[in-house]
Amino acid sequence: MKIALIVTDKFTDYHLLETKLDELKVHQVISGTTNGYTMLEHYCESRPHIKISLAQAGPRAVMRAYYAINQADNVVIFANGDGHRTELAIANALNENKNLKIYSYKAKAFDITSEGPYARLTMNGNLKKASRIDAIYLNEEQIDKMIERLNEIKNHLRTNNSN
């Protein structure tokens, strides 16, 4: 699969990037950011058959992401939930009807508020538009179940990270 890859300058979770690119079985990646290209160079050290390139830059850094998106039908974005370039890249991919995969990696990618007897979860910015989910409403019982599941996952992660 040929993809355009957009990651923020602050994205450093190489393991997440590696896992998702392996799952997608990529064979060519056009990076829309210099940070993404740096991470791809590391990724290709153990996968020399994968072709990588850095999209040309325009007068503004956001143009690099735009050029990358226009060179591939599949777009993969690692979004932190509030990045300006990431928001523009999501909008561009949606406008161009690209096959879009967004991996959000920070809690600020969504808001949690109370609305009557419910907790209301919404995605921020273009993550909301891309997901087409207006909101998720959880009652008290569902909130307890979610907290329990999150605690189980947290404990599992602690166990795995201590090994």
Protein backbone atom coordinates (compact mmCIF):
# COMPACT_ATOMS: atom_id res chain seq x y z
CA MET A 1 0.00 0.00 0.00
CA LYS A 2 1.22 3.48 -0.85
CA ILE A 3 0.45 6.09 1.80
CA ALA A 4 0.98 9.70 2.69
CA LEU A 5 2.14 9.97 6.30
CA ILE A 6 1.47 13.03 8.44
CA VAL A 7 2.81 13.20 12.01
CA THR A 8 3.18 16.20 14.27
CA ASP A 9 6.55 17.61 15.22
CA LYS A 10 5.87 16.48 18.79
CA PHE A 11 5.02 12.87 17.90
CA THR A 12 7.72 10.55 19.26
CA ASP A 13 5.96 7.21 19.75
CA TYR A 14 7.99 5.18 17.28
CA HIS A 15 6.49 1.89 18.49
CA LEU A 16 2.95 3.08 17.60
CA LEU A 17 4.10 4.25 14.17
CA GLU A 18 5.92 0.98 13.50
CA THR A 19 2.96 -1.14 14.61
CA LYS A 20 0.43 0.71 12.45
CA LEU A 21 2.63 0.81 9.34
CA ASP A 22 3.28 -2.93 9.68
CA GLU A 23 -0.45 -3.59 10.03
CA LEU A 24 -1.12 -1.59 6.86
CA LYS A 25 1.59 -3.50 4.96
CA VAL A 26 2.96 -0.35 3.37
CA HIS A 27 5.41 -0.55 0.48
CA GLN A 28 5.77 3.16 -0.23
CA VAL A 29 5.45 6.13 2.13
CA ILE A 30 5.51 9.81 1.25
CA SER A 31 6.07 11.87 4.37
CA GLY A 32 4.37 15.21 4.73
CA THR A 33 6.57 16.26 7.66
CA THR A 34 10.29 16.20 8.37
CA ASN A 35 9.66 14.49 11.73
CA GLY A 36 7.75 11.76 9.91
CA TYR A 37 10.59 11.32 7.44
CA THR A 38 13.14 11.02 10.25
CA MET A 39 11.01 8.31 11.87
CA LEU A 40 10.60 6.56 8.50
CA GLU A 41 14.38 6.43 8.03
CA HIS A 42 14.59 4.49 11.29
CA TYR A 43 11.64 2.31 10.25
CA CYS A 44 13.33 1.38 6.97
CA GLU A 45 16.57 0.27 8.63
CA SER A 46 14.92 -3.10 9.24
CA ARG A 47 12.66 -2.89 6.14
CA PRO A 48 14.89 -1.87 3.23
CA HIS A 49 12.25 -2.90 0.67
CA ILE A 50 10.00 0.02 1.64
CA LYS A 51 10.40 3.13 -0.48
CA ILE A 52 10.24 6.42 1.42
CA SER A 53 10.35 10.02 0.32
CA LEU A 54 9.84 13.46 1.77
CA ALA A 55 7.27 15.54 -0.10
CA GLN A 56 8.54 18.77 -1.53
CA ALA A 57 8.01 21.83 0.61
CA GLY A 58 6.21 24.93 -0.52
CA PRO A 59 6.56 28.40 0.90
CA ARG A 60 4.92 27.19 4.14
CA ALA A 61 5.45 23.98 6.10
CA VAL A 62 1.79 23.04 5.71
CA MET A 63 2.36 22.73 1.95
CA ARG A 64 4.58 19.67 2.47
CA ALA A 65 1.64 17.81 4.02
CA TYR A 66 -0.63 19.00 1.22
CA TYR A 67 1.77 17.73 -1.46
CA ALA A 68 2.14 14.36 0.28
CA ILE A 69 -1.63 13.89 0.54
CA ASN A 70 -2.09 14.66 -3.14
CA GLN A 71 0.46 11.99 -4.12
CA ALA A 72 -1.33 9.04 -2.48
CA ASP A 73 -4.85 7.65 -2.25
CA ASN A 74 -4.28 6.51 1.33
CA VAL A 75 -3.49 8.98 4.10
CA VAL A 76 -2.31 8.08 7.61
CA ILE A 77 -2.29 10.82 10.23
CA PHE A 78 -1.03 10.62 13.79
CA ALA A 79 -2.99 13.43 15.45
CA ASN A 80 -2.51 15.01 18.85
CA GLY A 81 -5.90 16.68 18.85
CA ASP A 82 -5.02 20.33 18.44
CA GLY A 83 -2.25 20.74 15.87
CA HIS A 84 -2.93 23.32 13.17
CA ARG A 85 -1.15 21.42 10.39
CA THR A 86 -2.79 18.16 11.45
CA GLU A 87 -6.22 19.81 11.35
CA LEU A 88 -5.52 21.14 7.86
CA ALA A 89 -4.21 17.76 6.71
CA ILE A 90 -7.37 16.02 7.93
CA ALA A 91 -9.54 18.61 6.18
CA ASN A 92 -7.54 18.24 2.97
CA ALA A 93 -7.74 14.43 3.01
CA LEU A 94 -11.50 14.60 3.61
CA ASN A 95 -12.00 17.17 0.86
CA GLU A 96 -9.98 15.05 -1.58
CA ASN A 97 -11.94 11.88 -0.64
CA LYS A 98 -8.79 10.04 0.38
CA ASN A 99 -8.83 6.77 2.31
CA LEU A 100 -8.06 8.26 5.70
CA LYS A 101 -6.78 6.58 8.86
CA ILE A 102 -6.29 8.76 11.91
CA TYR A 103 -4.46 7.55 14.98
CA SER A 104 -5.01 9.98 17.80
CA TYR A 105 -2.47 9.59 20.57
CA LYS A 106 -3.32 12.19 23.21
CA ALA A 107 -6.25 12.52 25.60
CA LYS A 108 -6.83 16.10 24.44
CA ALA A 109 -8.13 14.71 21.17
CA PHE A 110 -11.53 14.54 22.83
CA ASP A 111 -13.56 16.46 25.37
CA ILE A 112 -15.54 15.00 28.23
CA THR A 113 -18.35 17.09 29.67
CA SER A 114 -21.48 16.39 31.67
CA GLU A 115 -24.87 16.81 30.09
CA GLY A 116 -27.76 16.01 32.39
CA PRO A 117 -27.37 12.43 33.65
CA TYR A 118 -24.69 11.64 31.03
CA ALA A 119 -21.02 12.08 30.37
CA ARG A 120 -20.67 13.44 26.86
CA LEU A 121 -17.54 12.50 24.90
CA THR A 122 -16.77 14.38 21.69
CA MET A 123 -13.80 14.45 19.38
CA ASN A 124 -12.09 17.79 18.83
CA GLY A 125 -11.76 19.66 15.57
CA ASN A 126 -11.57 17.72 12.35
CA LEU A 127 -11.26 14.45 14.25
CA LYS A 128 -14.98 14.88 14.92
CA LYS A 129 -15.71 15.58 11.27
CA ALA A 130 -13.61 12.63 10.12
CA SER A 131 -15.25 10.21 12.55
CA ARG A 132 -18.76 11.45 11.77
CA ILE A 133 -19.66 10.78 15.40
CA ASP A 134 -21.35 13.77 16.98
CA ALA A 135 -21.00 12.55 20.55
CA ILE A 136 -20.94 9.49 22.79
CA TYR A 137 -23.27 9.59 25.79
CA LEU A 138 -22.55 7.39 28.80
CA ASN A 139 -24.78 7.01 31.83
CA GLU A 140 -23.34 6.38 35.30
CA GLU A 141 -23.27 2.59 34.84
CA GLN A 142 -21.42 2.92 31.53
CA ILE A 143 -18.97 5.42 33.04
CA ASP A 144 -18.17 2.91 35.80
CA LYS A 145 -17.62 0.19 33.18
CA MET A 146 -15.33 2.46 31.18
CA ILE A 147 -13.31 3.43 34.26
CA GLU A 148 -12.99 -0.25 35.16
CA ARG A 149 -11.79 -1.12 31.65
CA LEU A 150 -9.33 1.78 31.62
CA ASN A 151 -7.94 0.69 34.98
CA GLU A 152 -7.53 -2.87 33.70
CA ILE A 153 -5.68 -1.58 30.64
CA LYS A 154 -3.54 0.73 32.78
CA ASN A 155 -2.58 -2.16 35.06
CA HIS A 156 -1.82 -4.37 32.06
CA LEU A 157 0.41 -1.66 30.58
CA ARG A 158 2.23 -1.23 33.89
CA THR A 159 2.82 -4.99 34.07
CA ASN A 160 4.13 -5.13 30.50
CA ASN A 161 6.33 -2.05 30.92
CA SER A 162 7.93 -3.35 34.11
CA ASN A 163 9.12 -6.55 32.38
